[in-house]
Amino acid sequence: MLLDTPSLYFRAFYGVPESVTASDGTPVNAIRGLLDMIARLVRERSPHSVVACMDADWRPRFRVEALPSYKLHRVGPDGGDQTPPALGAQVPVIEEVLDAFGIARVGAAGYEADDVIGTLATAEPGEVDVVTGDRDLFQLVRDDKPVRVLYTARGIKALQVVGEAEVTAKYGVPGRAYADFATLRGDPSDGLPGVPGVGDKTAAALITRFGSLEGIEKALDMGEMSGFPAGSRLKLEKARDYLRSAEMVVRVVTDIPLPGIDARVPRTPRAPERLVELTDRWNLEGPVNRLLTAVKTSGD
C-alpha cells in the first residue's frame, strides 16, 4: 500500500476541525486525521507493507522548466507553496510520528510523492494499492499486476477502487492512457492548460483512434487527415510545443533511484518511548491507540 501522504494530510486538515488541538492550543487536526486514515486502511485492507510517500519538492524544477504554468497558481508571495500555516506546522510532527511507529516514509530530492509512488509501484512485483485523491495517479493502474488506486474523493470511508476498467468507464480511454488524456484536455488544478478547444470527449476520441500522444504526433507528421474529430487537427498542430512539454509534466516518473526500505507494517512501534512522548505532547492518544491496534493484526 502506497500512501500519497500530502494528499491525505490535506484531506485530513480540511476534514477535521481546526479546533482539535494539543494542550497548548496548537492545531493537530491533520495529524490525528491522517493517523485515523492509516488505521482504517490497515484494518480494512490488511496490507503486508505500507509506505508513506512524501513530497521532497512539491513543484520540481524539471516540470517547471518544461511548463512554467505548472502549479503556478499555488505559489505564495515567498515563492513557496500556499500551505495553510496551521497545516505546515503539523507536517514535521506527522513525519516524527510515522518514524516512531516504524511506518516507512520515503521522499526523493527533486521529486514529488507521485514520482515516488510511480517508482515503487513499478518495481513491486506483487499487487499494489495506491491511496490518493489525485487523478493523475490513474495513469499507474493496470489489471495484470494489479495496480489499483483507492481514490479518496468521497472520503476514506467510501473509497473508490479504480482499475483499468473504471478509468475506461469514466473517461473512455484505456487505463494506462490517462496521462495522455489529461495532457490533451488539461487540468486547471495543476496549471495545465490543455489543448485549446479539446475537451474530454475529443481527447478520448483522439486517444482511442491513435493510442497515445506519440501516435497522434506521428499521424500529424505523416499528414494524416482522417481520424481527427472535426477541427481538432489544426488545434493539435498549433499545440505541438505544448504537448511535448506537458507530457513531461503529467507523466509520473517511474525510475527514481531510491534507497532500500523495510516497508513491512510494524506490529510494534520502532521507537516506543519516542512515540509516547509525541502522543503526550500532541494529544494523540486516541488515534495512536487505534493505529497500534490496527497494525498488530495487519496481514493476519
C-alpha atoms as a PDB file:
ATOM      1  CA  MET A   1       0.000   0.000   0.000  1.00  0.00           C
ATOM      2  CA  LEU A   2       1.466   3.307  -1.150  1.00  0.00           C
ATOM      3  CA  LEU A   3       0.123   6.422   0.548  1.00  0.00           C
ATOM      4  CA  ASP A   4       0.029   9.758  -1.252  1.00  0.00           C
ATOM      5  CA  THR A   5       0.729  11.324   2.121  1.00  0.00           C
ATOM      6  CA  PRO A   6       0.369  15.008   1.154  1.00  0.00           C
ATOM      7  CA  SER A   7      -2.989  14.287  -0.463  1.00  0.00           C
ATOM      8  CA  LEU A   8      -4.138  12.512   2.695  1.00  0.00           C
ATOM      9  CA  TYR A   9      -2.961  15.073   5.232  1.00  0.00           C
ATOM     10  CA  PHE A  10      -4.520  17.895   3.213  1.00  0.00           C
ATOM     11  CA  ARG A  11      -7.808  15.973   3.255  1.00  0.00           C
ATOM     12  CA  ALA A  12      -7.413  15.378   6.992  1.00  0.00           C
ATOM     13  CA  PHE A  13      -6.683  19.062   7.642  1.00  0.00           C
ATOM     14  CA  TYR A  14      -9.853  20.175   5.907  1.00  0.00           C
ATOM     15  CA  GLY A  15     -11.935  17.241   7.149  1.00  0.00           C
ATOM     16  CA  VAL A  16     -11.169  17.510  10.873  1.00  0.00           C
ATOM     17  CA  PRO A  17     -11.981  20.798  12.660  1.00  0.00           C
ATOM     18  CA  GLU A  18      -9.016  23.061  13.332  1.00  0.00           C
ATOM     19  CA  SER A  19     -10.369  23.401  16.859  1.00  0.00           C
ATOM     20  CA  VAL A  20      -8.876  19.955  17.568  1.00  0.00           C
ATOM     21  CA  THR A  21      -5.683  20.988  19.337  1.00  0.00           C
ATOM     22  CA  ALA A  22      -2.886  19.954  21.656  1.00  0.00           C
ATOM     23  CA  SER A  23      -2.933  21.191  25.253  1.00  0.00           C
ATOM     24  CA  ASP A  24      -1.160  24.410  24.244  1.00  0.00           C
ATOM     25  CA  GLY A  25      -3.768  25.212  21.595  1.00  0.00           C
ATOM     26  CA  THR A  26      -1.682  24.112  18.585  1.00  0.00           C
ATOM     27  CA  PRO A  27      -3.903  22.525  15.899  1.00  0.00           C
ATOM     28  CA  VAL A  28      -3.342  18.787  15.471  1.00  0.00           C
ATOM     29  CA  ASN A  29      -6.315  18.037  13.217  1.00  0.00           C
ATOM     30  CA  ALA A  30      -4.199  16.914  10.241  1.00  0.00           C
ATOM     31  CA  ILE A  31      -2.050  14.643  12.414  1.00  0.00           C
ATOM     32  CA  ARG A  32      -4.991  12.975  14.101  1.00  0.00           C
ATOM     33  CA  GLY A  33      -6.961  12.705  10.861  1.00  0.00           C
ATOM     34  CA  LEU A  34      -4.065  11.130   8.972  1.00  0.00           C
ATOM     35  CA  LEU A  35      -3.373   8.568  11.698  1.00  0.00           C
ATOM     36  CA  ASP A  36      -7.031   7.572  11.731  1.00  0.00           C
ATOM     37  CA  MET A  37      -6.992   7.251   7.931  1.00  0.00           C
ATOM     38  CA  ILE A  38      -3.969   4.944   8.074  1.00  0.00           C
ATOM     39  CA  ALA A  39      -5.541   2.910  10.891  1.00  0.00           C
ATOM     40  CA  ARG A  40      -8.722   2.394   8.863  1.00  0.00           C
ATOM     41  CA  LEU A  41      -6.777   1.460   5.727  1.00  0.00           C
ATOM     42  CA  VAL A  42      -4.620  -1.053   7.589  1.00  0.00           C
ATOM     43  CA  ARG A  43      -7.593  -2.505   9.462  1.00  0.00           C
ATOM     44  CA  GLU A  44      -9.832  -2.869   6.413  1.00  0.00           C
ATOM     45  CA  ARG A  45      -7.249  -3.724   3.719  1.00  0.00           C
ATOM     46  CA  SER A  46      -4.666  -5.707   5.735  1.00  0.00           C
ATOM     47  CA  PRO A  47      -1.612  -4.733   3.653  1.00  0.00           C
ATOM     48  CA  HIS A  48       1.626  -6.515   4.443  1.00  0.00           C
ATOM     49  CA  SER A  49       3.578  -3.344   3.618  1.00  0.00           C
ATOM     50  CA  VAL A  50       2.827   0.388   3.797  1.00  0.00           C
ATOM     51  CA  VAL A  51       4.908   3.281   2.504  1.00  0.00           C
ATOM     52  CA  ALA A  52       4.132   6.915   3.300  1.00  0.00           C
ATOM     53  CA  CYS A  53       5.307   8.660   0.130  1.00  0.00           C
ATOM     54  CA  MET A  54       6.289  12.302   0.605  1.00  0.00           C
ATOM     55  CA  ASP A  55       6.902  15.429  -1.453  1.00  0.00           C
ATOM     56  CA  ALA A  56      10.566  16.365  -1.269  1.00  0.00           C
ATOM     57  CA  ASP A  57       9.778  19.034  -3.869  1.00  0.00           C
ATOM     58  CA  TRP A  58       6.147  19.970  -4.485  1.00  0.00           C
ATOM     59  CA  ARG A  59       6.997  21.822  -7.743  1.00  0.00           C
ATOM     60  CA  PRO A  60      10.068  20.141  -9.258  1.00  0.00           C
ATOM     61  CA  ARG A  61      12.362  22.243 -11.403  1.00  0.00           C
ATOM     62  CA  PHE A  62      12.261  19.848 -14.361  1.00  0.00           C
ATOM     63  CA  ARG A  63       8.474  20.212 -14.555  1.00  0.00           C
ATOM     64  CA  VAL A  64       8.538  23.999 -14.184  1.00  0.00           C
ATOM     65  CA  GLU A  65      11.223  24.303 -16.873  1.00  0.00           C
ATOM     66  CA  ALA A  66       9.070  22.215 -19.206  1.00  0.00           C
ATOM     67  CA  LEU A  67       5.864  24.117 -18.400  1.00  0.00           C
ATOM     68  CA  PRO A  68       6.202  27.333 -16.354  1.00  0.00           C
ATOM     69  CA  SER A  69       2.467  27.368 -15.549  1.00  0.00           C
ATOM     70  CA  TYR A  70       2.794  24.118 -13.586  1.00  0.00           C
ATOM     71  CA  LYS A  71       1.206  24.760 -10.162  1.00  0.00           C
ATOM     72  CA  LEU A  72       1.969  28.466 -10.634  1.00  0.00           C
ATOM     73  CA  HIS A  73      -1.343  29.455  -9.044  1.00  0.00           C
ATOM     74  CA  ARG A  74      -0.251  27.737  -5.826  1.00  0.00           C
ATOM     75  CA  VAL A  75       2.966  29.715  -5.443  1.00  0.00           C
ATOM     76  CA  GLY A  76       2.851  32.087  -2.482  1.00  0.00           C
ATOM     77  CA  PRO A  77       4.485  35.525  -2.152  1.00  0.00           C
ATOM     78  CA  ASP A  78       7.606  33.889  -0.705  1.00  0.00           C
ATOM     79  CA  GLY A  79       7.881  31.504  -3.654  1.00  0.00           C
ATOM     80  CA  GLY A  80       6.727  28.520  -1.641  1.00  0.00           C
ATOM     81  CA  ASP A  81       3.524  26.513  -1.620  1.00  0.00           C
ATOM     82  CA  GLN A  82       0.473  28.256  -0.183  1.00  0.00           C
ATOM     83  CA  THR A  83       0.055  25.638   2.531  1.00  0.00           C
ATOM     84  CA  PRO A  84      -2.007  26.985   5.440  1.00  0.00           C
ATOM     85  CA  PRO A  85       0.381  27.770   8.312  1.00  0.00           C
ATOM     86  CA  ALA A  86      -1.694  25.626  10.669  1.00  0.00           C
ATOM     87  CA  LEU A  87      -1.098  22.642   8.378  1.00  0.00           C
ATOM     88  CA  GLY A  88       2.541  23.390   7.587  1.00  0.00           C
ATOM     89  CA  ALA A  89       3.369  23.307  11.294  1.00  0.00           C
ATOM     90  CA  GLN A  90       1.914  19.802  11.583  1.00  0.00           C
ATOM     91  CA  VAL A  91       3.881  18.171   8.766  1.00  0.00           C
ATOM     92  CA  PRO A  92       7.137  17.754  10.766  1.00  0.00           C
ATOM     93  CA  VAL A  93       5.137  16.180  13.590  1.00  0.00           C
ATOM     94  CA  ILE A  94       3.467  13.803  11.133  1.00  0.00           C
ATOM     95  CA  GLU A  95       6.929  12.736   9.962  1.00  0.00           C
ATOM     96  CA  GLU A  96       8.140  12.213  13.534  1.00  0.00           C
ATOM     97  CA  VAL A  97       5.107  10.142  14.478  1.00  0.00           C
ATOM     98  CA  LEU A  98       5.371   7.932  11.390  1.00  0.00           C
ATOM     99  CA  ASP A  99       9.074   7.387  12.091  1.00  0.00           C
ATOM    100  CA  ALA A 100       8.398   6.493  15.732  1.00  0.00           C
ATOM    101  CA  PHE A 101       5.767   3.996  14.605  1.00  0.00           C
ATOM    102  CA  GLY A 102       8.170   2.496  12.107  1.00  0.00           C
ATOM    103  CA  ILE A 103       5.974   3.167   9.093  1.00  0.00           C
ATOM    104  CA  ALA A 104       8.288   3.579   6.098  1.00  0.00           C
ATOM    105  CA  ARG A 105       8.456   7.189   4.902  1.00  0.00           C
ATOM    106  CA  VAL A 106      10.090   7.937   1.549  1.00  0.00           C
ATOM    107  CA  GLY A 107      10.794  11.102  -0.433  1.00  0.00           C
ATOM    108  CA  ALA A 108      13.339  11.852  -3.147  1.00  0.00           C
ATOM    109  CA  ALA A 109      15.129  15.165  -3.643  1.00  0.00           C
ATOM    110  CA  GLY A 110      13.733  16.996  -6.653  1.00  0.00           C
ATOM    111  CA  TYR A 111      10.616  14.822  -6.943  1.00  0.00           C
ATOM    112  CA  GLU A 112       7.025  14.723  -5.812  1.00  0.00           C
ATOM    113  CA  ALA A 113       5.273  11.989  -3.869  1.00  0.00           C
ATOM    114  CA  ASP A 114       3.626  10.944  -7.170  1.00  0.00           C
ATOM    115  CA  ASP A 115       7.044  10.044  -8.577  1.00  0.00           C
ATOM    116  CA  VAL A 116       7.976   8.016  -5.500  1.00  0.00           C
ATOM    117  CA  ILE A 117       4.675   6.177  -5.834  1.00  0.00           C
ATOM    118  CA  GLY A 118       5.258   5.581  -9.539  1.00  0.00           C
ATOM    119  CA  THR A 119       8.726   4.174  -8.912  1.00  0.00           C
ATOM    120  CA  LEU A 120       7.671   1.878  -6.075  1.00  0.00           C
ATOM    121  CA  ALA A 121       4.527   0.681  -7.868  1.00  0.00           C
ATOM    122  CA  THR A 122       6.570  -0.164 -10.962  1.00  0.00           C
ATOM    123  CA  ALA A 123       9.268  -2.008  -9.017  1.00  0.00           C
ATOM    124  CA  GLU A 124       6.903  -4.032  -6.823  1.00  0.00           C
ATOM    125  CA  PRO A 125       6.289  -7.487  -8.326  1.00  0.00           C
ATOM    126  CA  GLY A 126       3.060  -8.058  -6.397  1.00  0.00           C
ATOM    127  CA  GLU A 127      -0.235  -6.238  -6.207  1.00  0.00           C
ATOM    128  CA  VAL A 128      -0.239  -2.591  -5.185  1.00  0.00           C
ATOM    129  CA  ASP A 129      -2.869  -0.274  -3.763  1.00  0.00           C
ATOM    130  CA  VAL A 130      -2.224   3.462  -4.209  1.00  0.00           C
ATOM    131  CA  VAL A 131      -4.216   5.649  -1.817  1.00  0.00           C
ATOM    132  CA  THR A 132      -4.722   9.144  -3.217  1.00  0.00           C
ATOM    133  CA  GLY A 133      -7.153  11.903  -4.107  1.00  0.00           C
ATOM    134  CA  ASP A 134      -5.096  12.793  -7.184  1.00  0.00           C
ATOM    135  CA  ARG A 135      -6.464  11.591 -10.525  1.00  0.00           C
ATOM    136  CA  ASP A 136      -3.001  11.908 -12.108  1.00  0.00           C
ATOM    137  CA  LEU A 137      -2.124   8.600 -10.497  1.00  0.00           C
ATOM    138  CA  PHE A 138      -4.808   6.823 -12.521  1.00  0.00           C
ATOM    139  CA  GLN A 139      -2.072   6.501 -15.157  1.00  0.00           C
ATOM    140  CA  LEU A 140      -0.449   3.820 -12.984  1.00  0.00           C
ATOM    141  CA  VAL A 141      -3.399   1.431 -12.879  1.00  0.00           C
ATOM    142  CA  ARG A 142      -3.004  -1.927 -14.558  1.00  0.00           C
ATOM    143  CA  ASP A 143      -5.085  -5.029 -14.185  1.00  0.00           C
ATOM    144  CA  ASP A 144      -2.417  -7.617 -14.955  1.00  0.00           C
ATOM    145  CA  LYS A 145      -0.361  -6.939 -11.801  1.00  0.00           C
ATOM    146  CA  PRO A 146      -2.631  -5.459 -10.451  1.00  0.00           C
ATOM    147  CA  VAL A 147      -2.049  -1.830  -9.504  1.00  0.00           C
ATOM    148  CA  ARG A 148      -5.214  -0.163  -8.218  1.00  0.00           C
ATOM    149  CA  VAL A 149      -5.973   3.314  -6.979  1.00  0.00           C
ATOM    150  CA  LEU A 150      -8.017   3.659  -3.808  1.00  0.00           C
ATOM    151  CA  TYR A 151      -9.483   7.035  -4.663  1.00  0.00           C
ATOM    152  CA  THR A 152     -10.423   9.250  -1.729  1.00  0.00           C
ATOM    153  CA  ALA A 153     -12.631  11.821  -3.496  1.00  0.00           C
ATOM    154  CA  ARG A 154     -15.649  10.669  -1.478  1.00  0.00           C
ATOM    155  CA  GLY A 155     -13.670  10.239   1.712  1.00  0.00           C
ATOM    156  CA  ILE A 156     -11.674   7.477   3.317  1.00  0.00           C
ATOM    157  CA  LYS A 157     -14.886   5.715   4.399  1.00  0.00           C
ATOM    158  CA  ALA A 158     -16.141   5.485   0.818  1.00  0.00           C
ATOM    159  CA  LEU A 159     -13.051   4.631  -1.180  1.00  0.00           C
ATOM    160  CA  GLN A 160     -13.477   4.095  -4.899  1.00  0.00           C
ATOM    161  CA  VAL A 161     -11.393   1.186  -6.172  1.00  0.00           C
ATOM    162  CA  VAL A 162     -10.091   2.269  -9.575  1.00  0.00           C
ATOM    163  CA  GLY A 163      -8.548  -0.117 -12.070  1.00  0.00           C
ATOM    164  CA  GLU A 164      -8.278  -0.007 -15.834  1.00  0.00           C
ATOM    165  CA  ALA A 165     -11.960  -0.825 -16.325  1.00  0.00           C
ATOM    166  CA  GLU A 166     -13.064   2.017 -14.079  1.00  0.00           C
ATOM    167  CA  VAL A 167     -10.847   4.528 -15.908  1.00  0.00           C
ATOM    168  CA  THR A 168     -12.235   3.357 -19.234  1.00  0.00           C
ATOM    169  CA  ALA A 169     -15.818   3.577 -17.986  1.00  0.00           C
ATOM    170  CA  LYS A 170     -15.299   7.104 -16.633  1.00  0.00           C
ATOM    171  CA  TYR A 171     -13.122   8.667 -19.334  1.00  0.00           C
ATOM    172  CA  GLY A 172     -13.442   6.436 -22.375  1.00  0.00           C
ATOM    173  CA  VAL A 173      -9.716   5.661 -22.624  1.00  0.00           C
ATOM    174  CA  PRO A 174      -7.551   2.677 -21.643  1.00  0.00           C
ATOM    175  CA  GLY A 175      -6.470   2.983 -18.014  1.00  0.00           C
ATOM    176  CA  ARG A 176      -2.792   3.411 -18.767  1.00  0.00           C
ATOM    177  CA  ALA A 177      -3.549   6.199 -21.263  1.00  0.00           C
ATOM    178  CA  TYR A 178      -4.848   8.564 -18.593  1.00  0.00           C
ATOM    179  CA  ALA A 179      -1.714  10.758 -18.625  1.00  0.00           C
ATOM    180  CA  ASP A 180      -2.044  11.412 -22.365  1.00  0.00           C
ATOM    181  CA  PHE A 181      -5.767  12.068 -21.961  1.00  0.00           C
ATOM    182  CA  ALA A 182      -5.115  14.582 -19.150  1.00  0.00           C
ATOM    183  CA  THR A 183      -2.426  16.321 -21.194  1.00  0.00           C
ATOM    184  CA  LEU A 184      -4.861  16.866 -24.047  1.00  0.00           C
ATOM    185  CA  ARG A 185      -7.836  18.097 -22.043  1.00  0.00           C
ATOM    186  CA  GLY A 186      -5.803  19.911 -19.361  1.00  0.00           C
ATOM    187  CA  ASP A 187      -6.070  20.117 -15.591  1.00  0.00           C
ATOM    188  CA  PRO A 188      -6.559  23.599 -14.052  1.00  0.00           C
ATOM    189  CA  SER A 189      -5.729  22.277 -10.575  1.00  0.00           C
ATOM    190  CA  ASP A 190      -2.139  21.732 -11.758  1.00  0.00           C
ATOM    191  CA  GLY A 191      -1.921  24.769 -14.028  1.00  0.00           C
ATOM    192  CA  LEU A 192      -2.117  22.507 -17.084  1.00  0.00           C
ATOM    193  CA  PRO A 193      -3.949  24.425 -19.828  1.00  0.00           C
ATOM    194  CA  GLY A 194      -4.611  21.567 -22.236  1.00  0.00           C
ATOM    195  CA  VAL A 195      -5.069  21.977 -25.976  1.00  0.00           C
ATOM    196  CA  PRO A 196      -7.470  24.906 -26.579  1.00  0.00           C
ATOM    197  CA  GLY A 197     -10.797  23.604 -27.791  1.00  0.00           C
ATOM    198  CA  VAL A 198     -10.099  19.977 -26.853  1.00  0.00           C
ATOM    199  CA  GLY A 199     -12.307  18.713 -24.039  1.00  0.00           C
ATOM    200  CA  ASP A 200     -12.955  15.310 -22.511  1.00  0.00           C
ATOM    201  CA  LYS A 201     -14.847  13.811 -25.461  1.00  0.00           C
ATOM    202  CA  THR A 202     -12.386  14.957 -28.117  1.00  0.00           C
ATOM    203  CA  ALA A 203      -9.397  13.902 -26.007  1.00  0.00           C
ATOM    204  CA  ALA A 204     -10.918  10.443 -25.512  1.00  0.00           C
ATOM    205  CA  ALA A 205     -11.683  10.124 -29.232  1.00  0.00           C
ATOM    206  CA  LEU A 206      -8.112  11.042 -30.136  1.00  0.00           C
ATOM    207  CA  ILE A 207      -6.602   8.543 -27.685  1.00  0.00           C
ATOM    208  CA  THR A 208      -8.993   5.829 -28.848  1.00  0.00           C
ATOM    209  CA  ARG A 209      -8.078   6.448 -32.501  1.00  0.00           C
ATOM    210  CA  PHE A 210      -4.316   6.980 -32.206  1.00  0.00           C
ATOM    211  CA  GLY A 211      -3.471   5.220 -28.942  1.00  0.00           C
ATOM    212  CA  SER A 212      -1.232   7.866 -27.391  1.00  0.00           C
ATOM    213  CA  LEU A 213       0.280  11.312 -27.775  1.00  0.00           C
ATOM    214  CA  GLU A 214       3.103   9.670 -29.696  1.00  0.00           C
ATOM    215  CA  GLY A 215       0.564   8.134 -32.070  1.00  0.00           C
ATOM    216  CA  ILE A 216      -1.126  11.500 -32.554  1.00  0.00           C
ATOM    217  CA  GLU A 217       2.190  13.167 -33.287  1.00  0.00           C
ATOM    218  CA  LYS A 218       3.119  10.501 -35.834  1.00  0.00           C
ATOM    219  CA  ALA A 219      -0.231  10.994 -37.569  1.00  0.00           C
ATOM    220  CA  LEU A 220       0.397  14.743 -37.732  1.00  0.00           C
ATOM    221  CA  ASP A 221       3.921  14.160 -39.088  1.00  0.00           C
ATOM    222  CA  MET A 222       2.607  11.851 -41.804  1.00  0.00           C
ATOM    223  CA  GLY A 223      -0.077  14.319 -42.821  1.00  0.00           C
ATOM    224  CA  GLU A 224      -2.956  12.005 -41.986  1.00  0.00           C
ATOM    225  CA  MET A 225      -6.314  13.741 -42.297  1.00  0.00           C
ATOM    226  CA  SER A 226      -8.722  11.007 -41.233  1.00  0.00           C
ATOM    227  CA  GLY A 227      -9.460  10.010 -37.650  1.00  0.00           C
ATOM    228  CA  PHE A 228      -9.291  13.521 -36.217  1.00  0.00           C
ATOM    229  CA  PRO A 229     -12.536  14.867 -34.723  1.00  0.00           C
ATOM    230  CA  ALA A 230     -13.815  17.956 -36.533  1.00  0.00           C
ATOM    231  CA  GLY A 231     -11.438  20.885 -36.189  1.00  0.00           C
ATOM    232  CA  SER A 232      -9.065  19.097 -33.846  1.00  0.00           C
ATOM    233  CA  ARG A 233      -6.221  18.518 -36.296  1.00  0.00           C
ATOM    234  CA  LEU A 234      -5.439  22.222 -36.658  1.00  0.00           C
ATOM    235  CA  LYS A 235      -5.742  22.719 -32.902  1.00  0.00           C
ATOM    236  CA  LEU A 236      -3.236  19.931 -32.308  1.00  0.00           C
ATOM    237  CA  GLU A 237      -0.814  21.301 -34.896  1.00  0.00           C
ATOM    238  CA  LYS A 238      -0.827  24.655 -33.113  1.00  0.00           C
ATOM    239  CA  ALA A 239      -0.317  22.990 -29.732  1.00  0.00           C
ATOM    240  CA  ARG A 240       2.588  20.688 -30.587  1.00  0.00           C
ATOM    241  CA  ASP A 241       5.115  22.561 -28.451  1.00  0.00           C
ATOM    242  CA  TYR A 242       2.718  22.440 -25.513  1.00  0.00           C
ATOM    243  CA  LEU A 243       2.101  18.715 -25.971  1.00  0.00           C
ATOM    244  CA  ARG A 244       5.813  17.895 -25.889  1.00  0.00           C
ATOM    245  CA  SER A 245       6.336  19.986 -22.761  1.00  0.00           C
ATOM    246  CA  ALA A 246       3.195  18.920 -20.930  1.00  0.00           C
ATOM    247  CA  GLU A 247       3.801  15.220 -21.406  1.00  0.00           C
ATOM    248  CA  MET A 248       6.936  15.512 -19.252  1.00  0.00           C
ATOM    249  CA  VAL A 249       4.927  17.355 -16.611  1.00  0.00           C
ATOM    250  CA  VAL A 250       1.968  14.982 -16.442  1.00  0.00           C
ATOM    251  CA  ARG A 251       3.795  11.685 -16.708  1.00  0.00           C
ATOM    252  CA  VAL A 252       4.819  10.234 -13.374  1.00  0.00           C
ATOM    253  CA  VAL A 253       8.493   9.289 -13.075  1.00  0.00           C
ATOM    254  CA  THR A 254       8.885   5.558 -12.512  1.00  0.00           C
ATOM    255  CA  ASP A 255      12.636   5.106 -12.175  1.00  0.00           C
ATOM    256  CA  ILE A 256      13.885   7.316  -9.331  1.00  0.00           C
ATOM    257  CA  PRO A 257      16.908   5.860  -7.528  1.00  0.00           C
ATOM    258  CA  LEU A 258      15.537   5.080  -4.062  1.00  0.00           C
ATOM    259  CA  PRO A 259      17.253   3.566  -1.028  1.00  0.00           C
ATOM    260  CA  GLY A 260      16.240   0.151   0.166  1.00  0.00           C
ATOM    261  CA  ILE A 261      13.425   0.320   2.693  1.00  0.00           C
ATOM    262  CA  ASP A 262      11.699  -2.016   5.100  1.00  0.00           C
ATOM    263  CA  ALA A 263       8.065  -1.350   4.250  1.00  0.00           C
ATOM    264  CA  ARG A 264       6.572  -4.146   6.337  1.00  0.00           C
ATOM    265  CA  VAL A 265       3.767  -2.985   8.592  1.00  0.00           C
ATOM    266  CA  PRO A 266       5.328  -2.856  12.076  1.00  0.00           C
ATOM    267  CA  ARG A 267       3.488  -4.959  14.645  1.00  0.00           C
ATOM    268  CA  THR A 268       5.052  -2.880  17.429  1.00  0.00           C
ATOM    269  CA  PRO A 269       6.476   0.682  17.366  1.00  0.00           C
ATOM    270  CA  ARG A 270      10.052   1.146  16.261  1.00  0.00           C
ATOM    271  CA  ALA A 271      10.662   3.805  18.939  1.00  0.00           C
ATOM    272  CA  PRO A 272       8.034   3.234  21.649  1.00  0.00           C
ATOM    273  CA  GLU A 273       9.391   5.784  24.128  1.00  0.00           C
ATOM    274  CA  ARG A 274       9.517   8.492  21.470  1.00  0.00           C
ATOM    275  CA  LEU A 275       6.001   7.579  20.379  1.00  0.00           C
ATOM    276  CA  VAL A 276       4.772   8.021  23.951  1.00  0.00           C
ATOM    277  CA  GLU A 277       6.469  11.440  24.140  1.00  0.00           C
ATOM    278  CA  LEU A 278       4.860  12.572  20.887  1.00  0.00           C
ATOM    279  CA  THR A 279       1.481  11.171  21.907  1.00  0.00           C
ATOM    280  CA  ASP A 280       1.513  13.101  25.187  1.00  0.00           C
ATOM    281  CA  ARG A 281       2.892  16.293  23.665  1.00  0.00           C
ATOM    282  CA  TRP A 282       0.371  16.487  20.831  1.00  0.00           C
ATOM    283  CA  ASN A 283      -2.744  14.937  22.391  1.00  0.00           C
ATOM    284  CA  LEU A 284      -2.735  11.915  20.084  1.00  0.00           C
ATOM    285  CA  GLU A 285      -3.737   9.112  22.435  1.00  0.00           C
ATOM    286  CA  GLY A 286      -6.925   8.097  20.581  1.00  0.00           C
ATOM    287  CA  PRO A 287      -5.576   7.909  17.014  1.00  0.00           C
ATOM    288  CA  VAL A 288      -2.243   6.415  18.130  1.00  0.00           C
ATOM    289  CA  ASN A 289      -4.014   3.639  20.022  1.00  0.00           C
ATOM    290  CA  ARG A 290      -6.305   2.967  17.060  1.00  0.00           C
ATOM    291  CA  LEU A 291      -3.318   2.647  14.750  1.00  0.00           C
ATOM    292  CA  LEU A 292      -1.480   0.437  17.247  1.00  0.00           C
ATOM    293  CA  THR A 293      -4.487  -1.889  17.360  1.00  0.00           C
ATOM    294  CA  ALA A 294      -4.717  -1.962  13.574  1.00  0.00           C
ATOM    295  CA  VAL A 295      -1.053  -2.776  12.919  1.00  0.00           C
ATOM    296  CA  LYS A 296      -0.989  -5.599  15.456  1.00  0.00           C
ATOM    297  CA  THR A 297      -3.344  -7.640  13.332  1.00  0.00           C
ATOM    298  CA  SER A 298      -2.363  -6.441   9.831  1.00  0.00           C
ATOM    299  CA  GLY A 299      -1.796  -9.245   7.364  1.00  0.00           C
ATOM    300  CA  ASP A 300      -3.359 -11.915   9.581  1.00  0.00           C
END
